[in-house]
C-alpha atoms as a PDB file:
ATOM      1  CA  MET A   1      77.803  37.341 -20.593  1.00  0.00           C
ATOM      2  CA  ALA A   2      77.065  33.848 -20.317  1.00  0.00           C
ATOM      3  CA  THR A   3      74.516  34.513 -17.471  1.00  0.00           C
ATOM      4  CA  LEU A   4      72.807  37.114 -19.482  1.00  0.00           C
ATOM      5  CA  LEU A   5      71.972  34.519 -22.695  1.00  0.00           C
ATOM      6  CA  ARG A   6      71.341  32.222 -19.752  1.00  0.00           C
ATOM      7  CA  LYS A   7      68.540  34.361 -18.489  1.00  0.00           C
ATOM      8  CA  ILE A   8      67.690  35.541 -22.037  1.00  0.00           C
ATOM      9  CA  GLY A   9      67.111  31.868 -22.835  1.00  0.00           C
ATOM     10  CA  LEU A  10      64.956  30.930 -19.466  1.00  0.00           C
ATOM     11  CA  ILE A  11      62.753  34.212 -21.028  1.00  0.00           C
ATOM     12  CA  ARG A  12      62.097  32.473 -24.186  1.00  0.00           C
ATOM     13  CA  LEU A  13      61.200  29.369 -22.714  1.00  0.00           C
ATOM     14  CA  HIS A  14      58.779  31.308 -20.286  1.00  0.00           C
ATOM     15  CA  ASN A  15      57.251  33.086 -23.313  1.00  0.00           C
ATOM     16  CA  ARG A  16      56.564  29.976 -25.211  1.00  0.00           C
ATOM     17  CA  ASP A  17      55.037  28.253 -22.443  1.00  0.00           C
ATOM     18  CA  THR A  18      53.018  31.471 -21.794  1.00  0.00           C
ATOM     19  CA  GLU A  19      52.232  32.017 -25.789  1.00  0.00           C
ATOM     20  CA  ASP A  20      51.502  28.090 -26.515  1.00  0.00           C
ATOM     21  CA  PRO A  21      47.940  26.934 -24.240  1.00  0.00           C
ATOM     22  CA  LYS A  22      47.591  23.845 -26.494  1.00  0.00           C
ATOM     23  CA  HIS A  23      51.241  22.590 -24.995  1.00  0.00           C
ATOM     24  CA  HIS A  24      50.229  24.487 -22.028  1.00  0.00           C
ATOM     25  CA  HIS A  25      47.004  22.243 -21.746  1.00  0.00           C
ATOM     26  CA  ASN A  26      48.579  19.222 -22.776  1.00  0.00           C
ATOM     27  CA  HIS A  27      51.248  19.577 -20.400  1.00  0.00           C
ATOM     28  CA  ARG A  28      48.899  20.198 -17.591  1.00  0.00           C
ATOM     29  CA  GLY A  29      46.400  17.580 -18.925  1.00  0.00           C
ATOM     30  CA  GLY A  30      48.715  14.887 -18.962  1.00  0.00           C
ATOM     31  CA  GLY A  31      49.767  15.664 -15.376  1.00  0.00           C
ATOM     32  CA  GLY A  32      46.459  15.790 -14.174  1.00  0.00           C
ATOM     33  CA  GLY A  33      45.650  12.856 -16.166  1.00  0.00           C
ATOM     34  CA  GLN A  34      48.020  10.459 -14.776  1.00  0.00           C
ATOM     35  CA  GLN A  35      46.862  11.850 -11.469  1.00  0.00           C
ATOM     36  CA  SER A  36      43.059  10.966 -12.335  1.00  0.00           C
ATOM     37  CA  ALA A  37      44.594   7.463 -13.201  1.00  0.00           C
ATOM     38  CA  SER A  38      45.903   6.671 -10.590  1.00  0.00           C
ATOM     39  CA  LEU A  39      42.927   7.765  -8.458  1.00  0.00           C
ATOM     40  CA  ARG A  40      40.758   5.459 -10.698  1.00  0.00           C
ATOM     41  CA  GLY A  41      43.200   2.892  -9.949  1.00  0.00           C
ATOM     42  CA  LYS A  42      43.553   3.255  -6.001  1.00  0.00           C
ATOM     43  CA  GLY A  43      39.217   4.339  -6.303  1.00  0.00           C
ATOM     44  CA  GLY A  44      38.695   1.064  -8.224  1.00  0.00           C
ATOM     45  CA  ALA A  45      40.823  -1.233  -5.997  1.00  0.00           C
ATOM     46  CA  LYS A  46      38.934  -0.047  -2.946  1.00  0.00           C
ATOM     47  CA  SER A  47      35.273  -0.443  -4.653  1.00  0.00           C
ATOM     48  CA  GLY A  48      36.580  -3.603  -6.111  1.00  0.00           C
ATOM     49  CA  GLY A  49      37.660  -4.995  -2.559  1.00  0.00           C
ATOM     50  CA  HIS A  50      34.321  -3.408  -1.117  1.00  0.00           C
ATOM     51  CA  LYS A  51      32.438  -5.644  -3.586  1.00  0.00           C
ATOM     52  CA  GLN A  52      34.374  -8.524  -2.723  1.00  0.00           C
ATOM     53  CA  GLN A  53      33.812  -8.137   0.981  1.00  0.00           C
ATOM     54  CA  GLN A  54      30.030  -7.667   0.337  1.00  0.00           C
ATOM     55  CA  GLN A  55      30.067 -10.925  -2.009  1.00  0.00           C
ATOM     56  CA  GLN A  56      31.796 -12.790   1.014  1.00  0.00           C
ATOM     57  CA  GLN A  57      29.054 -11.852   3.351  1.00  0.00           C
ATOM     58  CA  GLN A  58      26.231 -12.687   1.100  1.00  0.00           C
ATOM     59  CA  GLN A  59      27.478 -16.035   1.270  1.00  0.00           C
ATOM     60  CA  GLN A  60      28.318 -16.085   4.660  1.00  0.00           C
ATOM     61  CA  GLN A  61      24.143 -15.234   5.362  1.00  0.00           C
ATOM     62  CA  HIS A  62      23.121 -17.124   1.808  1.00  0.00           C
ATOM     63  CA  PRO A  63      24.674 -20.158   1.879  1.00  0.00           C
ATOM     64  CA  GLY A  64      24.550 -21.628  -1.875  1.00  0.00           C
ATOM     65  CA  GLY A  65      23.508 -18.301  -3.000  1.00  0.00           C
ATOM     66  CA  ALA A  66      26.021 -17.313  -4.859  1.00  0.00           C
ATOM     67  CA  GLY A  67      23.711 -16.545  -8.050  1.00  0.00           C
ATOM     68  CA  ASP A  68      22.423 -13.443  -5.403  1.00  0.00           C
ATOM     69  CA  ALA A  69      25.897 -11.311  -5.955  1.00  0.00           C
ATOM     70  CA  SER A  70      26.523 -12.275  -9.188  1.00  0.00           C
ATOM     71  CA  PRO A  71      25.848  -9.107 -11.823  1.00  0.00           C
ATOM     72  CA  GLY A  72      23.172  -8.631 -14.682  1.00  0.00           C
ATOM     73  CA  PRO A  73      20.768 -11.247 -15.610  1.00  0.00           C
ATOM     74  CA  GLY A  74      22.057 -13.728 -12.410  1.00  0.00           C
ATOM     75  CA  LYS A  75      21.007 -11.287 -10.240  1.00  0.00           C
ATOM     76  CA  GLY A  76      17.202 -11.065 -10.702  1.00  0.00           C
ATOM     77  CA  LYS A  77      17.621 -15.146 -11.318  1.00  0.00           C
ATOM     78  CA  GLY A  78      18.562 -14.866  -7.932  1.00  0.00           C
ATOM     79  CA  LYS A  79      16.126 -12.722  -6.621  1.00  0.00           C
ATOM     80  CA  ARG A  80      12.906 -14.804  -8.316  1.00  0.00           C
ATOM     81  CA  ALA A  81      14.631 -17.662  -6.661  1.00  0.00           C
ATOM     82  CA  ALA A  82      14.670 -16.351  -3.337  1.00  0.00           C
ATOM     83  CA  GLU A  83      11.156 -15.438  -3.451  1.00  0.00           C
ATOM     84  CA  PRO A  84       8.799 -18.159  -2.278  1.00  0.00           C
ATOM     85  CA  ALA A  85       7.160 -20.411  -4.792  1.00  0.00           C
ATOM     86  CA  PRO A  86       3.442 -20.221  -5.122  1.00  0.00           C
ATOM     87  CA  ARG A  87       2.946 -23.942  -3.909  1.00  0.00           C
ATOM     88  CA  ASP A  88       5.054 -22.653  -1.093  1.00  0.00           C
ATOM     89  CA  LYS A  89       2.117 -20.271  -0.304  1.00  0.00           C
ATOM     90  CA  PRO A  90       0.158 -21.045   2.732  1.00  0.00           C
ATOM     91  CA  PRO A  91      -3.495 -22.243   1.549  1.00  0.00           C
ATOM     92  CA  GLN A  92      -5.904 -19.336   1.366  1.00  0.00           C
ATOM     93  CA  PRO A  93      -9.550 -20.101   3.526  1.00  0.00           C
ATOM     94  CA  ALA A  94     -11.941 -21.588   1.584  1.00  0.00           C
ATOM     95  CA  ALA A  95     -15.231 -19.536   1.756  1.00  0.00           C
ATOM     96  CA  GLY A  96     -18.466 -22.364   2.330  1.00  0.00           C
ATOM     97  CA  ALA A  97     -18.875 -25.878   1.180  1.00  0.00           C
ATOM     98  CA  ALA A  98     -17.404 -25.333  -2.535  1.00  0.00           C
ATOM     99  CA  GLY A  99     -14.007 -23.720  -1.320  1.00  0.00           C
ATOM    100  CA  ALA A 100     -13.873 -26.301   0.878  1.00  0.00           C
ATOM    101  CA  ALA A 101     -14.462 -28.735  -1.646  1.00  0.00           C
ATOM    102  CA  GLY A 102     -12.082 -27.220  -4.337  1.00  0.00           C
ATOM    103  CA  ALA A 103      -9.132 -26.571  -1.767  1.00  0.00           C
ATOM    104  CA  GLY A 104      -5.913 -28.395  -2.111  1.00  0.00           C
ATOM    105  CA  GLY A 105      -3.745 -29.277  -4.690  1.00  0.00           C
ATOM    106  CA  PRO A 106      -4.046 -31.749  -8.293  1.00  0.00           C
ATOM    107  CA  ARG A 107      -3.486 -34.294  -5.833  1.00  0.00           C
ATOM    108  CA  GLU A 108      -6.066 -33.486  -3.325  1.00  0.00           C
ATOM    109  CA  ARG A 109      -8.221 -32.916  -6.249  1.00  0.00           C
ATOM    110  CA  ALA A 110      -7.878 -36.299  -7.211  1.00  0.00           C
ATOM    111  CA  ALA A 111      -7.809 -37.898  -4.044  1.00  0.00           C
ATOM    112  CA  GLY A 112     -10.945 -36.492  -3.183  1.00  0.00           C
ATOM    113  CA  ALA A 113     -12.740 -37.936  -6.372  1.00  0.00           C
ATOM    114  CA  ARG A 114     -11.536 -41.214  -6.108  1.00  0.00           C
ATOM    115  CA  ALA A 115     -12.934 -41.352  -2.199  1.00  0.00           C
ATOM    116  CA  GLY A 116     -16.094 -40.200  -3.528  1.00  0.00           C
ATOM    117  CA  PRO A 117     -19.154 -37.581  -2.500  1.00  0.00           C
ATOM    118  CA  GLY A 118     -19.148 -36.599   0.895  1.00  0.00           C
ATOM    119  CA  PRO A 119     -21.838 -37.434   3.460  1.00  0.00           C
ATOM    120  CA  ALA A 120     -23.372 -34.243   3.124  1.00  0.00           C
ATOM    121  CA  ALA A 121     -23.563 -34.952  -0.713  1.00  0.00           C
ATOM    122  CA  ALA A 122     -24.264 -38.380  -0.464  1.00  0.00           C
ATOM    123  CA  ALA A 123     -27.663 -37.600   1.702  1.00  0.00           C
ATOM    124  CA  ALA A 124     -28.655 -35.171  -0.728  1.00  0.00           C
ATOM    125  CA  ALA A 125     -28.232 -37.279  -3.595  1.00  0.00           C
ATOM    126  CA  ALA A 126     -30.278 -40.114  -1.855  1.00  0.00           C
ATOM    127  CA  ALA A 127     -32.816 -37.479  -1.030  1.00  0.00           C
ATOM    128  CA  ALA A 128     -33.098 -36.564  -4.802  1.00  0.00           C
ATOM    129  CA  THR A 129     -33.306 -40.146  -5.382  1.00  0.00           C
ATOM    130  CA  ALA A 130     -36.432 -41.218  -3.260  1.00  0.00           C
ATOM    131  CA  GLY A 131     -38.363 -37.975  -4.006  1.00  0.00           C
ATOM    132  CA  GLY A 132     -39.684 -39.427  -7.073  1.00  0.00           C
ATOM    133  CA  SER A 133     -40.934 -42.230  -5.006  1.00  0.00           C
ATOM    134  CA  LEU A 134     -41.671 -40.662  -2.288  1.00  0.00           C
ATOM    135  CA  VAL A 135     -44.295 -38.088  -3.858  1.00  0.00           C
ATOM    136  CA  PRO A 136     -46.902 -40.703  -5.355  1.00  0.00           C
ATOM    137  CA  ALA A 137     -46.681 -42.317  -1.875  1.00  0.00           C
ATOM    138  CA  ALA A 138     -47.639 -39.678   0.269  1.00  0.00           C
ATOM    139  CA  ARG A 139     -50.140 -38.770  -2.737  1.00  0.00           C
ATOM    140  CA  GLN A 140     -51.670 -42.063  -2.467  1.00  0.00           C
ATOM    141  CA  GLN A 141     -51.858 -41.869   1.486  1.00  0.00           C
ATOM    142  CA  HIS A 142     -53.274 -38.317   1.241  1.00  0.00           C
ATOM    143  CA  CYS A 143     -56.235 -39.986  -1.480  1.00  0.00           C
ATOM    144  CA  THR A 144     -56.619 -43.175   1.241  1.00  0.00           C
ATOM    145  CA  GLN A 145     -57.298 -40.521   4.239  1.00  0.00           C
ATOM    146  CA  VAL A 146     -59.891 -38.565   2.112  1.00  0.00           C
ATOM    147  CA  ARG A 147     -61.809 -41.761   1.016  1.00  0.00           C
ATOM    148  CA  SER A 148     -62.229 -43.117   4.281  1.00  0.00           C
ATOM    149  CA  ARG A 149     -63.298 -39.713   6.134  1.00  0.00           C
ATOM    150  CA  ARG A 150     -65.767 -39.247   3.171  1.00  0.00           C
ATOM    151  CA  LEU A 151     -67.319 -42.866   3.462  1.00  0.00           C
ATOM    152  CA  MET A 152     -67.397 -43.295   7.506  1.00  0.00           C
ATOM    153  CA  LYS A 153     -69.483 -40.287   7.433  1.00  0.00           C
ATOM    154  CA  GLU A 154     -71.878 -41.750   4.301  1.00  0.00           C
ATOM    155  CA  LEU A 155     -71.923 -44.522   6.872  1.00  0.00           C
ATOM    156  CA  GLN A 156     -73.288 -42.558   9.659  1.00  0.00           C
ATOM    157  CA  ASP A 157     -75.604 -40.631   7.622  1.00  0.00           C
ATOM    158  CA  ILE A 158     -77.191 -43.664   6.290  1.00  0.00           C
ATOM    159  CA  ALA A 159     -77.676 -45.258   9.716  1.00  0.00           C
ATOM    160  CA  ARG A 160     -79.112 -42.096  10.875  1.00  0.00           C
ATOM    161  CA  LEU A 161     -82.266 -42.552   8.044  1.00  0.00           C
ATOM    162  CA  SER A 162     -85.592 -42.925   9.418  1.00  0.00           C
ATOM    163  CA  ASP A 163     -87.385 -44.686   6.408  1.00  0.00           C
ATOM    164  CA  ARG A 164     -84.703 -47.210   6.132  1.00  0.00           C
ATOM    165  CA  PHE A 165     -84.490 -46.558   2.427  1.00  0.00           C
ATOM    166  CA  ILE A 166     -81.529 -48.534   2.462  1.00  0.00           C
ATOM    167  CA  SER A 167     -79.295 -50.304   4.527  1.00  0.00           C
ATOM    168  CA  VAL A 168     -75.203 -51.472   3.645  1.00  0.00           C
ATOM    169  CA  GLU A 169     -73.149 -54.167   4.480  1.00  0.00           C
ATOM    170  CA  LEU A 170     -69.328 -54.325   4.120  1.00  0.00           C
ATOM    171  CA  VAL A 171     -67.573 -57.112   2.106  1.00  0.00           C
ATOM    172  CA  ASP A 172     -64.939 -58.704   3.994  1.00  0.00           C
ATOM    173  CA  GLU A 173     -65.261 -55.864   6.688  1.00  0.00           C
ATOM    174  CA  SER A 174     -63.636 -53.629   3.496  1.00  0.00           C
ATOM    175  CA  LEU A 175     -64.581 -49.944   4.168  1.00  0.00           C
ATOM    176  CA  PHE A 176     -63.829 -49.557   0.076  1.00  0.00           C
ATOM    177  CA  ASP A 177     -66.213 -52.582  -0.547  1.00  0.00           C
ATOM    178  CA  TRP A 178     -70.251 -52.485  -0.073  1.00  0.00           C
ATOM    179  CA  ASN A 179     -73.320 -54.055  -0.439  1.00  0.00           C
ATOM    180  CA  VAL A 180     -76.236 -52.037  -0.110  1.00  0.00           C
ATOM    181  CA  LYS A 181     -79.746 -53.169   0.061  1.00  0.00           C
ATOM    182  CA  LEU A 182     -82.467 -51.267  -1.707  1.00  0.00           C
ATOM    183  CA  HIS A 183     -85.670 -51.538   0.564  1.00  0.00           C
ATOM    184  CA  GLN A 184     -87.827 -49.666  -0.825  1.00  0.00           C
ATOM    185  CA  VAL A 185     -88.996 -48.358  -4.975  1.00  0.00           C
ATOM    186  CA  ASP A 186     -91.814 -46.897  -5.793  1.00  0.00           C
ATOM    187  CA  LYS A 187     -95.102 -48.372  -4.324  1.00  0.00           C
ATOM    188  CA  ASP A 188     -97.449 -47.907  -7.279  1.00  0.00           C
ATOM    189  CA  SER A 189     -94.702 -49.091  -9.582  1.00  0.00           C
ATOM    190  CA  VAL A 190     -95.014 -52.743 -11.454  1.00  0.00           C
ATOM    191  CA  LEU A 191     -91.687 -53.304  -9.784  1.00  0.00           C
ATOM    192  CA  TRP A 192     -93.108 -52.683  -6.381  1.00  0.00           C
ATOM    193  CA  GLN A 193     -95.773 -55.403  -6.995  1.00  0.00           C
ATOM    194  CA  ASP A 194     -92.937 -58.215  -8.426  1.00  0.00           C
ATOM    195  CA  MET A 195     -91.261 -57.700  -5.302  1.00  0.00           C
ATOM    196  CA  LYS A 196     -94.400 -58.309  -3.462  1.00  0.00           C
ATOM    197  CA  GLU A 197     -95.572 -61.375  -5.636  1.00  0.00           C
ATOM    198  CA  THR A 198     -91.939 -62.671  -5.572  1.00  0.00           C
ATOM    199  CA  ASN A 199     -91.507 -62.049  -1.365  1.00  0.00           C
ATOM    200  CA  THR A 200     -88.349 -60.192  -2.542  1.00  0.00           C
ATOM    201  CA  GLU A 201     -87.416 -57.742   0.395  1.00  0.00           C
ATOM    202  CA  PHE A 202     -84.597 -55.858  -1.473  1.00  0.00           C
ATOM    203  CA  ILE A 203     -82.925 -55.532  -4.324  1.00  0.00           C
ATOM    204  CA  LEU A 204     -78.739 -56.023  -3.681  1.00  0.00           C
ATOM    205  CA  LEU A 205     -76.125 -54.061  -5.514  1.00  0.00           C
ATOM    206  CA  ASN A 206     -72.373 -53.580  -4.789  1.00  0.00           C
ATOM    207  CA  LEU A 207     -70.729 -50.559  -4.995  1.00  0.00           C
ATOM    208  CA  THR A 208     -66.807 -50.630  -5.266  1.00  0.00           C
ATOM    209  CA  PHE A 209     -65.314 -46.967  -4.324  1.00  0.00           C
ATOM    210  CA  PRO A 210     -61.739 -46.175  -6.382  1.00  0.00           C
ATOM    211  CA  ASP A 211     -58.764 -44.642  -4.726  1.00  0.00           C
ATOM    212  CA  ASN A 212     -59.556 -41.108  -5.402  1.00  0.00           C
ATOM    213  CA  PHE A 213     -62.807 -41.594  -3.791  1.00  0.00           C
ATOM    214  CA  PRO A 214     -65.042 -38.844  -3.796  1.00  0.00           C
ATOM    215  CA  PHE A 215     -63.804 -37.044  -6.915  1.00  0.00           C
ATOM    216  CA  SER A 216     -64.696 -40.246  -9.076  1.00  0.00           C
ATOM    217  CA  PRO A 217     -67.580 -42.702  -9.566  1.00  0.00           C
ATOM    218  CA  PRO A 218     -68.128 -45.713  -7.506  1.00  0.00           C
ATOM    219  CA  PHE A 219     -68.437 -48.524  -9.812  1.00  0.00           C
ATOM    220  CA  MET A 220     -72.095 -49.884  -8.993  1.00  0.00           C
ATOM    221  CA  ARG A 221     -73.971 -53.068 -10.203  1.00  0.00           C
ATOM    222  CA  VAL A 222     -77.214 -55.295  -9.218  1.00  0.00           C
ATOM    223  CA  LEU A 223     -76.515 -58.725  -8.137  1.00  0.00           C
ATOM    224  CA  SER A 224     -79.919 -60.032  -7.330  1.00  0.00           C
ATOM    225  CA  PRO A 225     -82.521 -60.263  -8.263  1.00  0.00           C
ATOM    226  CA  ARG A 226     -82.319 -60.774 -11.754  1.00  0.00           C
ATOM    227  CA  LEU A 227     -83.747 -57.364 -13.540  1.00  0.00           C
ATOM    228  CA  GLU A 228     -85.085 -56.554 -16.697  1.00  0.00           C
ATOM    229  CA  ASN A 229     -85.107 -53.589 -18.367  1.00  0.00           C
ATOM    230  CA  GLY A 230     -85.434 -50.476 -15.895  1.00  0.00           C
ATOM    231  CA  TYR A 231     -81.709 -49.641 -17.300  1.00  0.00           C
ATOM    232  CA  VAL A 232     -80.139 -52.386 -15.914  1.00  0.00           C
ATOM    233  CA  LEU A 233     -78.349 -54.391 -18.683  1.00  0.00           C
ATOM    234  CA  ASP A 234     -75.700 -57.870 -18.914  1.00  0.00           C
ATOM    235  CA  GLY A 235     -74.115 -58.365 -16.310  1.00  0.00           C
ATOM    236  CA  GLY A 236     -76.295 -56.473 -13.371  1.00  0.00           C
ATOM    237  CA  ALA A 237     -74.280 -52.884 -14.744  1.00  0.00           C
ATOM    238  CA  ILE A 238     -76.651 -49.798 -14.704  1.00  0.00           C
ATOM    239  CA  CYS A 239     -76.841 -47.258 -17.619  1.00  0.00           C
ATOM    240  CA  MET A 240     -77.062 -43.751 -15.728  1.00  0.00           C
ATOM    241  CA  GLU A 241     -74.868 -40.312 -16.667  1.00  0.00           C
ATOM    242  CA  LEU A 242     -73.702 -39.933 -12.863  1.00  0.00           C
ATOM    243  CA  LEU A 243     -71.974 -42.714 -12.566  1.00  0.00           C
ATOM    244  CA  THR A 244     -69.712 -42.015 -15.188  1.00  0.00           C
ATOM    245  CA  PRO A 245     -66.688 -39.889 -15.032  1.00  0.00           C
ATOM    246  CA  ARG A 246     -68.133 -37.345 -16.948  1.00  0.00           C
ATOM    247  CA  GLY A 247     -71.382 -37.197 -15.425  1.00  0.00           C
ATOM    248  CA  TRP A 248     -70.029 -37.543 -11.121  1.00  0.00           C
ATOM    249  CA  SER A 249     -69.768 -34.779  -8.922  1.00  0.00           C
ATOM    250  CA  SER A 250     -67.842 -34.712  -5.477  1.00  0.00           C
ATOM    251  CA  ALA A 251     -70.891 -33.794  -3.990  1.00  0.00           C
ATOM    252  CA  TYR A 252     -73.322 -36.746  -4.735  1.00  0.00           C
ATOM    253  CA  THR A 253     -73.649 -39.026  -1.721  1.00  0.00           C
ATOM    254  CA  VAL A 254     -74.241 -42.844  -2.206  1.00  0.00           C
ATOM    255  CA  GLU A 255     -77.763 -42.108  -0.373  1.00  0.00           C
ATOM    256  CA  ALA A 256     -78.541 -39.900  -3.845  1.00  0.00           C
ATOM    257  CA  VAL A 257     -77.283 -42.507  -5.770  1.00  0.00           C
ATOM    258  CA  MET A 258     -79.003 -45.026  -4.521  1.00  0.00           C
ATOM    259  CA  ARG A 259     -82.488 -42.529  -4.710  1.00  0.00           C
ATOM    260  CA  GLN A 260     -81.695 -41.914  -8.369  1.00  0.00           C
ATOM    261  CA  PHE A 261     -81.284 -45.431  -9.101  1.00  0.00           C
ATOM    262  CA  ALA A 262     -84.779 -46.163  -7.264  1.00  0.00           C
ATOM    263  CA  ALA A 263     -86.560 -43.600  -9.942  1.00  0.00           C
ATOM    264  CA  SER A 264     -84.695 -44.772 -13.008  1.00  0.00           C
ATOM    265  CA  LEU A 265     -85.919 -48.539 -12.451  1.00  0.00           C
ATOM    266  CA  VAL A 266     -89.152 -47.481 -11.829  1.00  0.00           C
ATOM    267  CA  LYS A 267     -88.839 -44.483 -15.182  1.00  0.00           C
ATOM    268  CA  GLY A 268     -87.539 -47.465 -17.112  1.00  0.00           C
ATOM    269  CA  GLN A 269     -90.075 -50.146 -16.209  1.00  0.00           C
ATOM    270  CA  GLY A 270     -87.871 -52.383 -14.327  1.00  0.00           C
ATOM    271  CA  ARG A 271     -88.723 -55.671 -13.730  1.00  0.00           C
ATOM    272  CA  ILE A 272     -87.991 -58.991 -11.799  1.00  0.00           C
ATOM    273  CA  CYS A 273     -87.353 -61.796 -14.562  1.00  0.00           C
ATOM    274  CA  ARG A 274     -89.402 -64.915 -14.146  1.00  0.00           C
ATOM    275  CA  LYS A 275     -88.281 -66.479 -16.910  1.00  0.00           C
ATOM    276  CA  ALA A 276     -87.814 -70.292 -16.117  1.00  0.00           C
ATOM    277  CA  GLY A 277     -84.073 -70.919 -16.027  1.00  0.00           C
ATOM    278  CA  LYS A 278     -83.134 -67.181 -16.746  1.00  0.00           C
ATOM    279  CA  SER A 279     -84.229 -66.076 -13.678  1.00  0.00           C
ATOM    280  CA  LYS A 280     -81.369 -68.112 -11.685  1.00  0.00           C
ATOM    281  CA  LYS A 281     -78.680 -67.266 -13.574  1.00  0.00           C
ATOM    282  CA  SER A 282     -76.632 -64.915 -11.339  1.00  0.00           C
ATOM    283  CA  PHE A 283     -75.040 -61.359 -12.737  1.00  0.00           C
ATOM    284  CA  SER A 284     -71.193 -61.855 -12.408  1.00  0.00           C
ATOM    285  CA  ARG A 285     -68.767 -58.390 -11.869  1.00  0.00           C
ATOM    286  CA  LYS A 286     -66.599 -59.449 -15.264  1.00  0.00           C
ATOM    287  CA  GLU A 287     -69.487 -59.269 -17.715  1.00  0.00           C
ATOM    288  CA  ALA A 288     -71.016 -55.907 -15.877  1.00  0.00           C
ATOM    289  CA  GLU A 289     -67.346 -54.295 -16.030  1.00  0.00           C
ATOM    290  CA  ALA A 290     -67.386 -55.150 -19.443  1.00  0.00           C
ATOM    291  CA  THR A 291     -71.019 -54.025 -20.380  1.00  0.00           C
ATOM    292  CA  PHE A 292     -70.463 -50.560 -18.424  1.00  0.00           C
ATOM    293  CA  LYS A 293     -67.130 -49.782 -20.682  1.00  0.00           C
ATOM    294  CA  SER A 294     -68.892 -50.496 -23.524  1.00  0.00           C
ATOM    295  CA  LEU A 295     -72.205 -48.550 -22.448  1.00  0.00           C
ATOM    296  CA  VAL A 296     -69.609 -45.596 -21.493  1.00  0.00           C
ATOM    297  CA  LYS A 297     -67.972 -45.351 -25.336  1.00  0.00           C
ATOM    298  CA  THR A 298     -71.502 -45.304 -26.739  1.00  0.00           C
ATOM    299  CA  HIS A 299     -72.699 -42.113 -24.798  1.00  0.00           C
ATOM    300  CA  GLU A 300     -69.327 -40.450 -25.265  1.00  0.00           C
ATOM    301  CA  LYS A 301     -69.999 -41.033 -29.286  1.00  0.00           C
ATOM    302  CA  TYR A 302     -73.605 -40.167 -29.255  1.00  0.00           C
ATOM    303  CA  GLY A 303     -74.176 -38.556 -26.214  1.00  0.00           C
ATOM    304  CA  TRP A 304     -76.917 -39.216 -23.814  1.00  0.00           C
ATOM    305  CA  VAL A 305     -79.905 -39.905 -26.034  1.00  0.00           C
ATOM    306  CA  THR A 306     -80.647 -42.693 -27.219  1.00  0.00           C
ATOM    307  CA  PRO A 307     -78.480 -44.769 -29.796  1.00  0.00           C
ATOM    308  CA  PRO A 308     -78.872 -46.490 -33.099  1.00  0.00           C
ATOM    309  CA  VAL A 309     -79.797 -49.786 -33.135  1.00  0.00           C
ATOM    310  CA  SER A 310     -76.624 -50.841 -35.274  1.00  0.00           C
ATOM    311  CA  ASP A 311     -74.678 -49.670 -31.788  1.00  0.00           C
ATOM    312  CA  GLY A 312     -76.502 -51.695 -29.211  1.00  0.00           C
END
């Protein structure tokens, strides 16, 4: 009987466990949770030991880099610290002179600025500074060469004249300052008769050639004898349009100018001054220059016609 009762109790217990899934699940889950907790504990211990070993290895490989093994933000900082800083990067090769001049850090650039420009920059600056003075000097040299060649040719042409119309003497051996002797004028003129009567062999003139000759006219004046009329003014200045900047042409030669002057003397009824005292007074260059400047202004105002008496 007792045995039967025990069997019945066991059967009830079995049925209860079978019919109550929640109780069965809790029973099984409790055992499983304990098992999984134990497994997690073992795994955590294993992983913790593994991480500790990795940290020790990294500390041995990178001394002083404990921050590299720290998790989270510390680990990111460690990575940035491990990367080479921009100043530690090797300098890039400079492209051209500008790259070479701009290479280096602020200290290098400051040192270069204190040291001043290099030899090439200094030479370029010196050339630019000297350029302003070299251009006028070269231009003046060119004008001198042009003037010299032209006057040498003029002298050769005058020396070949067959009628001995004019002759030239250099003043103080200067190629740019001539004394020209006019030997002939119109033989039917009163001026020619005056020259015969006073035993005047020639009319002496002075020609000074400017730096930009033949593009500007020479300054021409009468030296002797003292003439009246014939477009010869005070100081020996000569009133001729072709001797002014407006009337001059670089194609005019000295021979052509002298022939025009001889014709103007005759046309203007020029005479040799025979008045007592006045005939012996020589012309002066200063007076001739002042007179010529005055007549040029007058003709620029009124043209090459007879000006009013009030303007002289």
